Structures are given as structure tokens and as C-alpha cells.
Amino acid sequence: MHQHTPAPPGDSDARLLEVLHGAAPGTPADPDATAVLLARHWQALYSYTALFTPSGRTAGMAAAAAFARLATAPPDRRRSPRARPHPPR
């Protein structure tokens, strides 16, 4: 049985993502880790998506979708393919 251990607000983002991904498949995400990550990054994420969307509502939906993708992505898939260094030629 999975025991809920709240994520303290002082944890690093990497540690909070570990908490989110450490749960057994099919178990709900840790609400504390989710809340802390959203509180830390929502405004910046929303502001960025607002630059590329036609309305605030659309920006909110895009930002929420981006957060959900990050929070549910396996640890080895979090980085964008463009962010990976190119192999030497």
C-alpha cells in the first residue's frame, strides 16, 4: 500500500517530480507536490503560453496541458528532443 508523504514546499523541483513519478501506476498524484509545482511555476507558464494563444482562456488550457504532460511524463522523456546536445560530427 502506498503511504502518502506530503512534499514540503522547500523541496527542489527535481525532488517534487520524483515524488510525482514515484507513485505506483494507477495511483493518484501527490496533491502537495502538484500544488507546490503549480504555485511556483504557474504564472511564468501562463504568461509564456499567452504570447502564442489568442485568449487568456486558451492560454490557461495550454498551460495546464503542458503542466500535465510534464507531471506525467516518464523521467527519461521530460526533455525536449531539441534540448538534447547534438552528437559530434
Protein backbone atom coordinates (compact mmCIF):
# COMPACT_ATOMS: atom_id res chain seq x y z
CA MET A 1 0.00 0.00 0.00
CA HIS A 2 1.28 3.44 -0.92
CA GLN A 3 1.62 5.76 2.05
CA HIS A 4 1.10 9.45 1.40
CA THR A 5 4.06 11.58 2.46
CA PRO A 6 3.45 15.29 1.85
CA ALA A 7 6.08 17.13 -0.14
CA PRO A 8 7.46 20.09 1.81
CA PRO A 9 7.39 23.45 0.00
CA GLY A 10 11.19 23.72 0.36
CA ASP A 11 11.87 20.69 -1.83
CA SER A 12 13.55 21.23 -5.19
CA ASP A 13 11.56 20.91 -8.40
CA ALA A 14 13.50 17.75 -9.26
CA ARG A 15 12.57 16.21 -5.89
CA LEU A 16 8.90 17.14 -6.35
CA LEU A 17 8.88 15.49 -9.78
CA GLU A 18 10.43 12.38 -8.19
CA VAL A 19 7.55 12.35 -5.69
CA LEU A 20 5.03 12.63 -8.53
CA HIS A 21 6.65 9.84 -10.54
CA GLY A 22 7.46 7.62 -7.56
CA ALA A 23 3.87 6.53 -7.01
CA ALA A 24 2.75 3.15 -8.29
CA PRO A 25 0.99 3.20 -11.68
CA GLY A 26 -2.70 3.97 -11.33
CA THR A 27 -2.34 5.80 -8.02
CA PRO A 28 -3.24 9.49 -7.85
CA ALA A 29 -0.50 12.10 -7.96
CA ASP A 30 0.65 13.59 -4.68
CA PRO A 31 -1.53 16.70 -4.30
CA ASP A 32 1.11 18.50 -2.26
CA ALA A 33 3.85 18.07 -4.87
CA THR A 34 1.43 19.10 -7.61
CA ALA A 35 0.29 22.18 -5.70
CA VAL A 36 3.83 23.32 -4.90
CA LEU A 37 5.00 22.93 -8.51
CA LEU A 38 1.95 24.77 -9.83
CA ALA A 39 2.34 27.57 -7.28
CA ARG A 40 5.99 28.02 -8.22
CA HIS A 41 5.61 27.97 -11.99
CA TRP A 42 2.02 28.76 -12.99
CA GLN A 43 2.42 32.48 -13.63
CA ALA A 44 5.52 32.08 -15.80
CA LEU A 45 3.99 29.17 -17.71
CA TYR A 46 0.72 31.02 -18.24
CA SER A 47 2.49 34.23 -19.32
CA TYR A 48 4.58 32.31 -21.84
CA THR A 49 1.61 30.49 -23.37
CA ALA A 50 -0.35 33.75 -23.52
CA LEU A 51 2.22 35.05 -26.00
CA PHE A 52 1.21 32.36 -28.51
CA THR A 53 -2.53 31.94 -27.92
CA PRO A 54 -5.49 34.11 -28.92
CA SER A 55 -7.07 34.47 -25.46
CA GLY A 56 -6.48 34.07 -21.73
CA ARG A 57 -8.76 31.05 -21.65
CA THR A 58 -6.77 29.34 -24.39
CA ALA A 59 -3.52 30.24 -22.62
CA GLY A 60 -4.82 28.67 -19.41
CA MET A 61 -5.77 25.46 -21.18
CA ALA A 62 -2.42 25.26 -22.97
CA ALA A 63 -0.51 25.94 -19.74
CA ALA A 64 -2.50 23.27 -17.87
CA ALA A 65 -1.89 20.76 -20.66
CA ALA A 66 1.84 21.50 -20.65
CA PHE A 67 1.99 21.05 -16.88
CA ALA A 68 0.05 17.79 -17.06
CA ARG A 69 2.41 16.47 -19.72
CA LEU A 70 5.46 17.30 -17.62
CA ALA A 71 3.94 15.88 -14.44
CA THR A 72 3.01 12.59 -16.11
CA ALA A 73 5.99 12.11 -18.43
CA PRO A 74 8.43 9.36 -17.50
CA PRO A 75 11.70 10.82 -16.17
CA ASP A 76 13.66 9.90 -19.31
CA ARG A 77 11.15 11.70 -21.58
CA ARG A 78 10.94 15.10 -19.84
CA ARG A 79 13.46 16.88 -22.03
CA SER A 80 12.55 18.11 -25.45
CA PRO A 81 14.42 16.40 -28.30
CA ARG A 82 15.67 19.87 -29.32
CA ALA A 83 17.17 20.37 -25.84
CA ARG A 84 19.46 17.35 -26.20
CA PRO A 85 23.00 18.02 -27.36
CA HIS A 86 23.80 17.00 -30.90
CA PRO A 87 26.28 14.15 -31.36
CA PRO A 88 29.71 15.20 -32.62
CA ARG A 89 30.10 15.16 -36.41
